[in-house]
Amino acid sequence: MAETDLIIRSDDTTAAAPGRSLPANVEAEAAFLGAVLIDNRVIEELATPIRPEHFFEPVHQRIYARILQLLDRSAVVTPVTLRPYFEADEALKELGGAAYLARLTADGQGLLAPRELAEQIYDLALLRELVSVGRELVGKAMDTSESVAPLEQIEQAEAALYKVAEGAGSQSEAQSFGLATRTAISAIEKAFNSGGHISGKTTGLTSVNEKIGGLHDSDLIILAGRPGMGKTSLVTNIAFNAADRLLRDQADGIPLEKSVGAAVAFFSLEMSADQLATRILAEQSGISSEALRMGKISREDFQQLSFASQRLAELPLYIDDTPALSIAALRARARRLKRRHNIGLVIVDYLQLLQGTGRATDNRVNEISEISRGLKTLAKELSVPVIALSQLSRAVESRDDKRPMLSDLRESGSIEQDADMVWFVFREDYYVAAKEPKQPTDGDDPKIHEAHATWAAEMERVHGLAELIVAKQRHGATGKVRMRFESRITRFSDLAPEDMRNQAYGDE
């Protein structure tokens, strides 16, 4: 068999530069296919994930795709079993038809180093993707016929390079329903095996996990509320719980793909990194945040704080407190964190402090729409849940019932449209406390004493109670989750059984 018998002319006439061809090794592709046809188990032992689009030659792509399809049916794949599928293949006929399949297995040289051949095929495919990305980048940079947006082009180039780095080149835009089904089954199995029936990342709050099934990959979750409701406290608690669970699962030897914890990227546009760290230290040490800030702690408190800080030192929680980030810059930073630290959850505090690309800043509604779409795109691109905090309009304050509604989301209806889940935090004690009547003194009218006693009883009933209102959920029912909020250390927790006594809280 002559070596040239296995060399095919590519249909791809695009070259990296005049007089140069794209990186490829057709002989390696043929040798690898021959090894697979001789011993189907070769594919099972590969460390490199080879897909049909990684092959340079279209005929090789089709052969390998058919091999994978037959192996998925548990069939034995040989040149003989492949032959019926390629009798009408015009490109293969030019090479001798079905006889070409037999020539692939003629010398069996591919069996000497199938892993090395697979790695070379994969690496060359990535180089071709880099050539494609570079060509497109140069073309756009040279084209000034439309509005010039260099920052946007940089963001697009980085996104394309991230896909190449992840091995998800532009040719793999669609996936088979079979692959999607297997992914779904894996998520269902994860939920079945977890004690809390969580199919996504844990929030650390059993009541919330039971309501939403955990934080699902590719979901955009909007957490909104009026100032003082505890939005930042809640996401800080969730960030710690997810990162801590990952740390504990790793210590227990649980594989990353089976853990319900996650490394967390926290983009804080409002608070500094040390302020967020103080919140988490307060929660874990049980010392008041105010006492920590003012240094009003005892020696015993300081020792307890030191122990808490040592335990948190290895926490996979990464805080970026860069102010005035654009949505493009945030996505670029998130991609870097995904590549370097394999983050599994992104938190943004808060959405309205992000900036658009600059072209829509004359219209705030359009800019917010661009930001919300960008966050949803980020969730899908990185395949992680994204939690974004959002403000509410003041319309809430004008109603007797202060519980938020979807129509209260501020500045853009696209926030509701783009979100997979919308949560509202509501604390009734915040509003009851603001209605405190005059404190009675000796000699005051009995009605003043009665009014304050009535208020005190109401305050005692609602003190420390909080509601997480799930106003939208693509994956399940909406409703309310009751929690306890400890304002002293800014921590949300599940209600204890005694807290539920005489409470008739059902889903709406």
Protein backbone atom coordinates (compact mmCIF):
# COMPACT_ATOMS: atom_id res chain seq x y z
CA MET A 1 0.00 0.00 0.00
CA ALA A 2 1.47 3.33 -1.01
CA GLU A 3 1.41 6.12 1.52
CA THR A 4 -0.35 8.37 -0.95
CA ASP A 5 -3.31 5.98 -1.04
CA LEU A 6 -4.44 7.37 2.30
CA ILE A 7 -3.99 11.06 1.51
CA ILE A 8 -7.14 12.89 0.52
CA ARG A 9 -7.42 16.37 -0.91
CA SER A 10 -9.27 18.56 1.55
CA ASP A 11 -12.43 20.36 0.52
CA ASP A 12 -11.35 23.23 2.77
CA THR A 13 -9.56 25.65 0.46
CA THR A 14 -9.03 28.21 3.20
CA ALA A 15 -5.36 28.63 3.99
CA ALA A 16 -3.70 30.26 6.95
CA ALA A 17 -1.63 32.42 4.63
CA PRO A 18 -0.84 32.54 0.88
CA GLY A 19 1.22 29.49 -0.04
CA ARG A 20 0.60 27.79 3.30
CA SER A 21 -1.93 25.14 4.32
CA LEU A 22 -3.80 24.67 7.56
CA PRO A 23 -2.16 22.48 10.25
CA ALA A 24 -3.15 18.86 9.64
CA ASN A 25 -1.76 15.32 9.49
CA VAL A 26 -4.00 13.27 7.25
CA GLU A 27 -1.75 10.21 7.59
CA ALA A 28 -2.16 10.31 11.39
CA GLU A 29 -5.94 10.50 10.97
CA ALA A 30 -5.93 7.48 8.67
CA ALA A 31 -3.66 5.50 11.01
CA PHE A 32 -5.86 6.29 13.99
CA LEU A 33 -9.03 5.26 12.13
CA GLY A 34 -7.30 2.02 11.14
CA ALA A 35 -6.41 1.32 14.78
CA VAL A 36 -10.02 1.88 15.85
CA LEU A 37 -11.35 -0.43 13.12
CA ILE A 38 -8.91 -3.17 14.15
CA ASP A 39 -9.61 -2.80 17.90
CA ASN A 40 -12.75 -0.88 18.89
CA ARG A 41 -11.53 -0.69 22.50
CA VAL A 42 -8.99 1.94 21.46
CA ILE A 43 -11.65 4.64 21.83
CA GLU A 44 -12.44 3.60 25.39
CA GLU A 45 -8.81 4.08 26.44
CA LEU A 46 -8.36 7.58 25.02
CA ALA A 47 -7.40 10.36 27.40
CA THR A 48 -8.09 12.98 24.73
CA PRO A 49 -11.76 13.50 23.76
CA ILE A 50 -11.73 13.06 19.99
CA ARG A 51 -14.84 14.13 18.09
CA PRO A 52 -15.57 13.90 14.35
CA GLU A 53 -14.99 17.63 13.81
CA HIS A 54 -11.42 17.27 15.06
CA PHE A 55 -10.52 15.43 11.83
CA PHE A 56 -9.30 17.62 8.99
CA GLU A 57 -10.60 15.50 6.11
CA PRO A 58 -14.41 15.47 5.64
CA VAL A 59 -14.38 11.78 4.70
CA HIS A 60 -12.53 10.94 7.90
CA GLN A 61 -15.06 13.00 9.84
CA ARG A 62 -17.94 10.99 8.40
CA ILE A 63 -16.19 7.66 8.99
CA TYR A 64 -15.45 8.47 12.61
CA ALA A 65 -18.98 9.79 13.22
CA ARG A 66 -20.42 6.52 11.91
CA ILE A 67 -17.98 4.51 14.06
CA LEU A 68 -19.15 6.35 17.20
CA GLN A 69 -22.79 5.84 16.24
CA LEU A 70 -22.35 2.09 15.80
CA LEU A 71 -20.33 1.74 18.99
CA ASP A 72 -23.10 3.53 20.86
CA ARG A 73 -25.40 0.70 19.74
CA SER A 74 -22.85 -1.82 21.09
CA ALA A 75 -22.11 -3.03 17.54
CA VAL A 76 -18.73 -4.33 16.40
CA VAL A 77 -17.25 -1.88 13.88
CA THR A 78 -15.07 -3.20 11.04
CA PRO A 79 -14.57 -2.18 7.40
CA VAL A 80 -17.20 -4.79 6.52
CA THR A 81 -19.88 -3.41 8.90
CA LEU A 82 -19.09 0.15 7.78
CA ARG A 83 -19.36 -0.60 4.07
CA PRO A 84 -23.17 -0.32 3.67
CA TYR A 85 -23.13 3.21 5.06
CA PHE A 86 -20.59 4.50 2.53
CA GLU A 87 -21.58 2.84 -0.74
CA ALA A 88 -23.21 6.09 -1.90
CA ASP A 89 -20.46 8.38 -0.57
CA GLU A 90 -19.13 10.20 -3.64
CA ALA A 91 -15.95 11.42 -1.95
CA LEU A 92 -15.10 7.90 -0.86
CA LYS A 93 -15.74 6.57 -4.37
CA GLU A 94 -12.96 8.82 -5.67
CA LEU A 95 -10.60 6.98 -3.32
CA GLY A 96 -11.67 3.53 -4.39
CA GLY A 97 -14.95 3.22 -2.53
CA ALA A 98 -15.33 0.65 0.21
CA ALA A 99 -11.83 -0.66 -0.57
CA TYR A 100 -10.47 2.46 1.11
CA LEU A 101 -11.95 1.28 4.41
CA ALA A 102 -10.03 -1.97 4.09
CA ARG A 103 -6.80 -0.11 3.26
CA LEU A 104 -7.10 1.80 6.54
CA THR A 105 -6.50 -1.44 8.45
CA ALA A 106 -3.88 -2.90 6.10
CA ASP A 107 -0.72 -2.35 8.14
CA GLY A 108 -2.08 -1.70 11.67
CA GLN A 109 0.65 0.83 12.47
CA GLY A 110 -1.87 2.96 14.36
CA LEU A 111 -2.09 0.30 17.08
CA LEU A 112 1.48 1.09 18.11
CA ALA A 113 0.57 4.52 19.48
CA PRO A 114 -3.18 5.30 19.25
CA ARG A 115 -3.12 7.74 22.19
CA GLU A 116 -0.32 9.77 20.65
CA LEU A 117 -2.15 9.86 17.31
CA ALA A 118 -5.34 11.03 19.04
CA GLU A 119 -3.46 13.78 20.89
CA GLN A 120 -1.88 14.98 17.65
CA ILE A 121 -5.24 15.04 15.85
CA TYR A 122 -6.75 17.00 18.73
CA ASP A 123 -3.86 19.47 18.97
CA LEU A 124 -3.89 20.16 15.24
CA ALA A 125 -7.65 20.76 15.39
CA LEU A 126 -7.08 23.36 18.11
CA LEU A 127 -4.39 25.03 15.98
CA ARG A 128 -6.84 25.25 13.07
CA GLU A 129 -9.36 26.85 15.39
CA LEU A 130 -6.72 29.37 16.46
CA VAL A 131 -6.05 30.17 12.82
CA SER A 132 -9.78 30.69 12.27
CA VAL A 133 -10.10 32.93 15.34
CA GLY A 134 -7.03 34.94 14.33
CA ARG A 135 -8.26 35.39 10.75
CA GLU A 136 -11.65 36.57 11.95
CA LEU A 137 -10.06 38.93 14.49
CA VAL A 138 -7.80 40.49 11.86
CA GLY A 139 -10.69 40.84 9.43
CA LYS A 140 -12.88 42.64 11.95
CA ALA A 141 -10.04 44.86 13.14
CA MET A 142 -9.26 45.94 9.58
CA ASP A 143 -12.91 46.64 8.74
CA THR A 144 -13.80 50.20 9.72
CA SER A 145 -16.87 50.45 7.51
CA GLU A 146 -19.13 50.14 10.55
CA SER A 147 -18.90 51.64 14.04
CA VAL A 148 -15.54 50.86 15.62
CA ALA A 149 -15.91 49.04 18.96
CA PRO A 150 -12.45 47.71 19.87
CA LEU A 151 -13.40 46.69 23.43
CA GLU A 152 -16.30 44.65 22.11
CA GLN A 153 -14.02 43.00 19.55
CA ILE A 154 -11.53 42.14 22.30
CA GLU A 155 -14.34 40.60 24.36
CA GLN A 156 -15.50 38.53 21.37
CA ALA A 157 -11.94 37.41 20.63
CA GLU A 158 -11.42 36.34 24.24
CA ALA A 159 -14.69 34.42 24.18
CA ALA A 160 -13.60 32.62 21.01
CA LEU A 161 -10.20 31.82 22.51
CA TYR A 162 -11.89 30.50 25.64
CA LYS A 163 -13.92 28.11 23.51
CA VAL A 164 -10.73 26.90 21.84
CA ALA A 165 -9.05 26.43 25.23
CA GLU A 166 -12.03 24.40 26.42
CA GLY A 167 -11.90 22.26 23.29
CA ALA A 168 -15.29 23.56 22.14
CA GLY A 169 -14.46 24.99 18.76
CA SER A 170 -16.86 26.79 16.50
CA GLN A 171 -17.66 23.63 14.56
CA SER A 172 -19.39 21.99 17.54
CA GLU A 173 -22.30 24.38 17.79
CA ALA A 174 -24.98 21.68 17.98
CA GLN A 175 -25.05 18.52 20.03
CA SER A 176 -27.09 15.40 19.46
CA PHE A 177 -30.22 14.79 21.47
CA GLY A 178 -28.60 11.60 22.73
CA LEU A 179 -25.75 13.56 24.31
CA ALA A 180 -28.19 16.06 25.82
CA THR A 181 -30.22 13.17 27.24
CA ARG A 182 -27.15 11.60 28.85
CA THR A 183 -26.30 14.95 30.44
CA ALA A 184 -29.85 15.22 31.80
CA ILE A 185 -29.70 11.69 33.19
CA SER A 186 -26.43 12.53 34.98
CA ALA A 187 -28.12 15.51 36.64
CA ILE A 188 -31.08 13.36 37.68
CA GLU A 189 -28.72 10.71 39.09
CA LYS A 190 -26.90 13.42 41.04
CA ALA A 191 -30.20 14.58 42.55
CA PHE A 192 -31.18 10.99 43.36
CA ASN A 193 -27.89 10.27 45.12
CA SER A 194 -27.77 13.52 47.11
CA GLY A 195 -29.25 13.50 50.57
CA GLY A 196 -30.94 16.84 49.92
CA HIS A 197 -32.19 15.86 46.46
CA ILE A 198 -30.10 18.58 44.82
CA SER A 199 -29.45 18.37 41.08
CA GLY A 200 -27.41 21.57 40.97
CA LYS A 201 -25.16 23.51 43.34
CA THR A 202 -26.25 23.80 46.95
CA THR A 203 -27.38 27.05 48.54
CA GLY A 204 -26.63 25.64 51.99
CA LEU A 205 -30.26 26.27 52.98
CA THR A 206 -32.32 23.07 53.05
CA SER A 207 -35.64 24.87 52.62
CA VAL A 208 -34.39 26.73 49.53
CA ASN A 209 -32.78 23.60 48.04
CA GLU A 210 -36.02 21.69 48.44
CA LYS A 211 -37.93 24.45 46.68
CA ILE A 212 -35.63 24.91 43.65
CA GLY A 213 -33.55 21.70 43.58
CA GLY A 214 -30.31 23.65 43.92
CA LEU A 215 -28.69 26.17 41.59
CA HIS A 216 -28.73 24.77 38.06
CA ASP A 217 -25.95 25.21 35.53
CA SER A 218 -26.63 27.77 32.77
CA ASP A 219 -29.35 29.47 34.85
CA LEU A 220 -29.55 33.20 35.49
CA ILE A 221 -31.06 33.87 38.91
CA ILE A 222 -32.15 37.40 39.77
CA LEU A 223 -32.29 38.19 43.49
CA ALA A 224 -34.10 41.45 44.15
CA GLY A 225 -35.34 43.41 47.12
CA ARG A 226 -35.60 46.88 48.60
CA PRO A 227 -32.61 48.28 50.53
CA GLY A 228 -32.19 46.72 53.97
CA MET A 229 -33.84 43.41 53.09
CA GLY A 230 -30.57 41.43 53.21
CA LYS A 231 -29.86 40.67 49.54
CA THR A 232 -26.09 40.85 49.91
CA SER A 233 -26.22 38.89 53.16
CA LEU A 234 -28.14 36.08 51.48
CA VAL A 235 -25.80 35.74 48.48
CA THR A 236 -22.77 35.98 50.78
CA ASN A 237 -24.23 33.08 52.80
CA ILE A 238 -24.86 31.10 49.60
CA ALA A 239 -21.33 31.82 48.32
CA PHE A 240 -19.78 30.57 51.55
CA ASN A 241 -22.05 27.51 51.74
CA ALA A 242 -21.27 26.42 48.16
CA ALA A 243 -17.51 26.96 48.52
CA ASP A 244 -17.39 25.28 51.93
CA ARG A 245 -19.35 22.28 50.66
CA LEU A 246 -16.86 21.83 47.80
CA LEU A 247 -13.97 21.99 50.27
CA ARG A 248 -15.59 19.35 52.51
CA ASP A 249 -16.47 17.09 49.58
CA GLN A 250 -12.88 17.23 48.33
CA ALA A 251 -11.64 16.31 51.81
CA ASP A 252 -14.03 13.33 51.78
CA GLY A 253 -12.71 12.18 48.40
CA ILE A 254 -15.90 12.96 46.48
CA PRO A 255 -15.17 13.61 42.76
CA LEU A 256 -15.73 17.16 41.54
CA GLU A 257 -18.48 16.13 39.12
CA LYS A 258 -20.45 14.50 41.96
CA SER A 259 -20.08 17.37 44.44
CA VAL A 260 -22.97 19.78 45.00
CA GLY A 261 -20.49 22.42 46.13
CA ALA A 262 -18.74 24.90 43.86
CA ALA A 263 -15.83 27.30 43.65
CA VAL A 264 -17.38 30.77 43.61
CA ALA A 265 -16.56 33.99 41.76
CA PHE A 266 -18.06 36.96 43.62
CA PHE A 267 -18.11 40.25 41.69
CA SER A 268 -18.79 42.96 44.24
CA LEU A 269 -19.35 46.33 42.59
CA GLU A 270 -20.73 47.91 45.77
CA MET A 271 -18.69 46.51 48.68
CA SER A 272 -14.95 45.95 49.00
CA ALA A 273 -13.41 42.51 49.35
CA ASP A 274 -12.50 43.09 52.99
CA GLN A 275 -16.09 44.13 53.82
CA LEU A 276 -17.40 40.89 52.34
CA ALA A 277 -14.73 38.95 54.20
CA THR A 278 -15.82 40.65 57.43
CA ARG A 279 -19.40 39.50 56.85
CA ILE A 280 -18.30 35.90 56.39
CA LEU A 281 -16.00 36.07 59.42
CA ALA A 282 -18.86 37.44 61.51
CA GLU A 283 -21.14 34.62 60.43
CA GLN A 284 -18.59 31.88 61.07
CA SER A 285 -17.25 33.25 64.35
CA GLY A 286 -20.65 34.27 65.72
CA ILE A 287 -19.35 37.77 66.49
CA SER A 288 -21.34 40.85 65.51
CA SER A 289 -20.26 42.52 62.25
CA GLU A 290 -20.46 45.89 63.97
CA ALA A 291 -18.23 44.69 66.81
CA LEU A 292 -15.67 43.43 64.30
CA ARG A 293 -15.61 46.70 62.38
CA MET A 294 -15.22 48.79 65.56
CA GLY A 295 -12.82 46.39 67.30
CA LYS A 296 -15.16 45.92 70.27
CA ILE A 297 -14.17 42.31 70.91
CA SER A 298 -12.64 40.45 73.82
CA ARG A 299 -9.48 38.39 73.77
CA GLU A 300 -11.60 35.25 73.63
CA ASP A 301 -13.52 36.70 70.66
CA PHE A 302 -10.25 37.46 68.89
CA GLN A 303 -9.05 33.89 69.42
CA GLN A 304 -12.35 32.57 68.06
CA LEU A 305 -11.98 34.93 65.10
CA SER A 306 -8.46 33.65 64.46
CA PHE A 307 -9.67 30.05 64.39
CA ALA A 308 -12.44 31.00 61.94
CA SER A 309 -10.01 32.82 59.62
CA GLN A 310 -7.66 29.82 59.55
CA ARG A 311 -10.52 27.55 58.56
CA LEU A 312 -11.60 29.94 55.81
CA ALA A 313 -8.11 30.43 54.39
CA GLU A 314 -8.49 27.59 51.85
CA LEU A 315 -12.05 28.48 50.86
CA PRO A 316 -12.43 28.41 47.02
CA LEU A 317 -14.12 31.83 47.00
CA TYR A 318 -12.68 34.52 44.72
CA ILE A 319 -13.75 38.14 45.21
CA ASP A 320 -13.37 40.78 42.49
CA ASP A 321 -14.27 44.22 43.86
CA THR A 322 -13.28 46.24 40.78
CA PRO A 323 -15.74 49.16 40.53
CA ALA A 324 -17.63 50.24 37.39
CA LEU A 325 -17.10 46.99 35.48
CA SER A 326 -18.65 46.68 32.04
CA ILE A 327 -20.57 43.53 31.18
CA ALA A 328 -17.86 42.68 28.63
CA ALA A 329 -15.09 43.04 31.23
CA LEU A 330 -17.02 40.97 33.77
CA ARG A 331 -17.50 38.15 31.27
CA ALA A 332 -13.80 38.22 30.39
CA ARG A 333 -12.81 38.05 34.07
CA ALA A 334 -15.28 35.24 34.73
CA ARG A 335 -13.83 33.23 31.84
CA ARG A 336 -10.33 33.62 33.29
CA LEU A 337 -11.53 32.45 36.71
CA LYS A 338 -13.26 29.48 35.10
CA ARG A 339 -10.05 28.56 33.29
CA ARG A 340 -7.76 29.05 36.31
CA HIS A 341 -9.93 27.91 39.22
CA ASN A 342 -12.81 25.99 37.58
CA ILE A 343 -15.46 28.14 39.24
CA GLY A 344 -18.95 26.65 39.42
CA LEU A 345 -20.97 29.67 40.56
CA VAL A 346 -20.88 33.38 39.65
CA ILE A 347 -22.42 36.10 41.85
CA VAL A 348 -22.83 39.73 40.79
CA ASP A 349 -23.65 42.43 43.37
CA TYR A 350 -25.36 44.20 41.77
CA LEU A 351 -26.74 44.35 38.23
CA GLN A 352 -27.51 48.07 38.02
CA LEU A 353 -23.88 48.97 38.83
CA LEU A 354 -22.63 47.19 35.70
CA GLN A 355 -22.06 49.19 32.54
CA GLY A 356 -22.97 48.35 28.97
CA THR A 357 -20.73 48.56 25.92
CA GLY A 358 -21.19 52.31 25.71
CA ARG A 359 -23.44 52.45 22.67
CA ALA A 360 -26.65 52.05 24.67
CA THR A 361 -25.83 54.35 27.57
CA ASP A 362 -28.11 57.03 26.18
CA ASN A 363 -31.00 54.70 26.94
CA ARG A 364 -30.85 53.11 30.38
CA VAL A 365 -33.55 50.54 29.59
CA ASN A 366 -31.58 49.30 26.56
CA GLU A 367 -28.37 49.22 28.59
CA ILE A 368 -29.95 47.13 31.36
CA SER A 369 -31.38 44.82 28.71
CA GLU A 370 -27.90 44.38 27.24
CA ILE A 371 -26.48 43.63 30.69
CA SER A 372 -29.14 41.05 31.57
CA ARG A 373 -28.66 39.30 28.21
CA GLY A 374 -24.91 39.33 28.79
CA LEU A 375 -25.31 37.66 32.18
CA LYS A 376 -27.56 34.98 30.71
CA THR A 377 -25.06 34.41 27.91
CA LEU A 378 -22.30 34.09 30.51
CA ALA A 379 -24.28 31.46 32.43
CA LYS A 380 -24.69 29.36 29.27
CA GLU A 381 -21.16 29.93 28.03
CA LEU A 382 -19.49 28.80 31.26
CA SER A 383 -22.28 26.33 32.14
CA VAL A 384 -22.56 27.70 35.68
CA PRO A 385 -25.41 29.32 37.61
CA VAL A 386 -25.18 33.12 37.77
CA ILE A 387 -26.87 34.98 40.63
CA ALA A 388 -27.29 38.72 40.00
CA LEU A 389 -28.67 41.10 42.60
CA SER A 390 -31.09 43.74 41.39
CA GLN A 391 -32.82 46.80 42.74
CA LEU A 392 -36.58 47.24 42.97
CA SER A 393 -38.56 50.33 42.12
CA ARG A 394 -40.01 52.51 44.88
CA ALA A 395 -43.52 51.43 43.87
CA VAL A 396 -43.26 48.77 46.59
CA GLU A 397 -43.28 51.44 49.30
CA SER A 398 -46.57 52.93 48.10
CA ARG A 399 -48.54 49.70 48.62
CA ASP A 400 -50.04 48.40 51.84
CA ASP A 401 -48.59 44.96 51.14
CA LYS A 402 -44.87 45.56 50.76
CA ARG A 403 -44.13 42.15 49.24
CA PRO A 404 -42.43 42.63 45.86
CA MET A 405 -43.86 41.55 42.51
CA LEU A 406 -42.24 40.94 39.12
CA SER A 407 -43.51 44.31 37.90
CA ASP A 408 -41.35 45.98 40.58
CA LEU A 409 -38.07 45.00 38.88
CA ARG A 410 -36.36 48.26 38.13
CA GLU A 411 -35.64 49.83 34.73
CA SER A 412 -36.20 46.94 32.34
CA GLY A 413 -38.67 44.15 31.67
CA SER A 414 -35.86 42.19 30.03
CA ILE A 415 -34.51 41.27 33.47
CA GLU A 416 -37.61 39.17 34.09
CA GLN A 417 -37.51 37.84 30.53
CA ASP A 418 -33.86 36.75 30.61
CA ALA A 419 -33.96 35.27 34.11
CA ASP A 420 -34.59 31.56 34.69
CA MET A 421 -35.51 32.31 38.30
CA VAL A 422 -36.49 35.52 40.07
CA TRP A 423 -36.24 35.68 43.86
CA PHE A 424 -37.39 38.44 46.17
CA VAL A 425 -36.19 38.88 49.75
CA PHE A 426 -38.79 40.28 52.12
CA ARG A 427 -38.52 40.96 55.85
CA GLU A 428 -41.72 42.12 57.47
CA ASP A 429 -39.94 43.12 60.69
CA TYR A 430 -38.12 45.84 58.72
CA TYR A 431 -41.41 47.61 58.03
CA VAL A 432 -42.97 46.84 61.42
CA ALA A 433 -39.92 48.32 63.18
CA ALA A 434 -40.33 51.53 61.16
CA LYS A 435 -43.89 51.93 62.51
CA GLU A 436 -42.94 51.93 66.17
CA PRO A 437 -45.30 54.31 68.00
CA LYS A 438 -44.28 56.66 70.78
CA GLN A 439 -42.75 54.84 73.71
CA PRO A 440 -45.09 55.35 76.68
CA THR A 441 -43.97 56.93 79.90
CA ASP A 442 -45.63 57.22 83.31
CA GLY A 443 -48.70 59.38 83.08
CA ASP A 444 -49.32 58.81 79.35
CA ASP A 445 -52.79 58.05 78.08
CA PRO A 446 -53.68 54.31 78.29
CA LYS A 447 -54.19 54.31 74.52
CA ILE A 448 -50.49 55.11 74.05
CA HIS A 449 -49.54 52.17 76.29
CA GLU A 450 -51.98 49.94 74.40
CA ALA A 451 -50.69 51.03 70.96
CA HIS A 452 -47.09 50.32 71.91
CA ALA A 453 -47.99 46.98 73.47
CA THR A 454 -49.82 45.99 70.28
CA TRP A 455 -46.79 47.01 68.21
CA ALA A 456 -44.40 45.12 70.51
CA ALA A 457 -46.49 41.96 70.17
CA GLU A 458 -46.48 42.28 66.39
CA MET A 459 -42.73 42.92 66.39
CA GLU A 460 -42.14 39.84 68.49
CA ARG A 461 -44.19 37.76 66.05
CA VAL A 462 -42.24 38.79 62.96
CA HIS A 463 -38.80 39.50 64.43
CA GLY A 464 -36.04 37.62 62.62
CA LEU A 465 -38.39 36.06 60.06
CA ALA A 466 -37.66 36.45 56.35
CA GLU A 467 -39.32 35.29 53.16
CA LEU A 468 -37.65 34.22 49.96
CA ILE A 469 -40.34 34.68 47.35
CA VAL A 470 -39.71 32.56 44.23
CA ALA A 471 -41.69 34.65 41.76
CA LYS A 472 -40.46 32.90 38.62
CA GLN A 473 -38.96 29.48 38.07
CA ARG A 474 -38.58 27.75 34.73
CA HIS A 475 -37.94 24.38 36.36
CA GLY A 476 -40.74 24.21 38.90
CA ALA A 477 -43.41 25.94 40.93
CA THR A 478 -43.28 29.40 42.41
CA GLY A 479 -44.00 30.14 46.05
CA LYS A 480 -42.44 31.22 49.33
CA VAL A 481 -39.69 29.88 51.54
CA ARG A 482 -39.56 30.98 55.19
CA MET A 483 -36.16 31.57 56.75
CA ARG A 484 -34.65 33.12 59.84
CA PHE A 485 -32.41 36.19 59.56
CA GLU A 486 -29.91 36.96 62.29
CA SER A 487 -29.17 40.63 61.74
CA ARG A 488 -26.37 40.71 64.31
CA ILE A 489 -24.15 38.46 62.18
CA THR A 490 -26.03 38.95 58.88
CA ARG A 491 -26.87 35.26 58.44
CA PHE A 492 -29.86 33.50 56.91
CA SER A 493 -30.74 30.02 58.16
CA ASP A 494 -33.55 27.49 57.98
CA LEU A 495 -36.40 27.87 60.44
CA ALA A 496 -36.23 25.62 63.48
CA PRO A 497 -39.31 23.46 64.17
CA GLU A 498 -40.38 25.72 67.02
CA ASP A 499 -40.28 28.71 64.67
CA MET A 500 -42.82 27.00 62.45
CA ARG A 501 -45.32 26.60 65.28
CA ASN A 502 -48.60 28.36 64.55
CA GLN A 503 -47.25 29.43 61.15
CA ALA A 504 -49.46 28.55 58.19
CA TYR A 505 -47.07 29.25 55.35
CA GLY A 506 -47.93 27.45 52.16
CA ASP A 507 -46.83 27.90 48.57
CA GLU A 508 -48.93 30.29 46.60
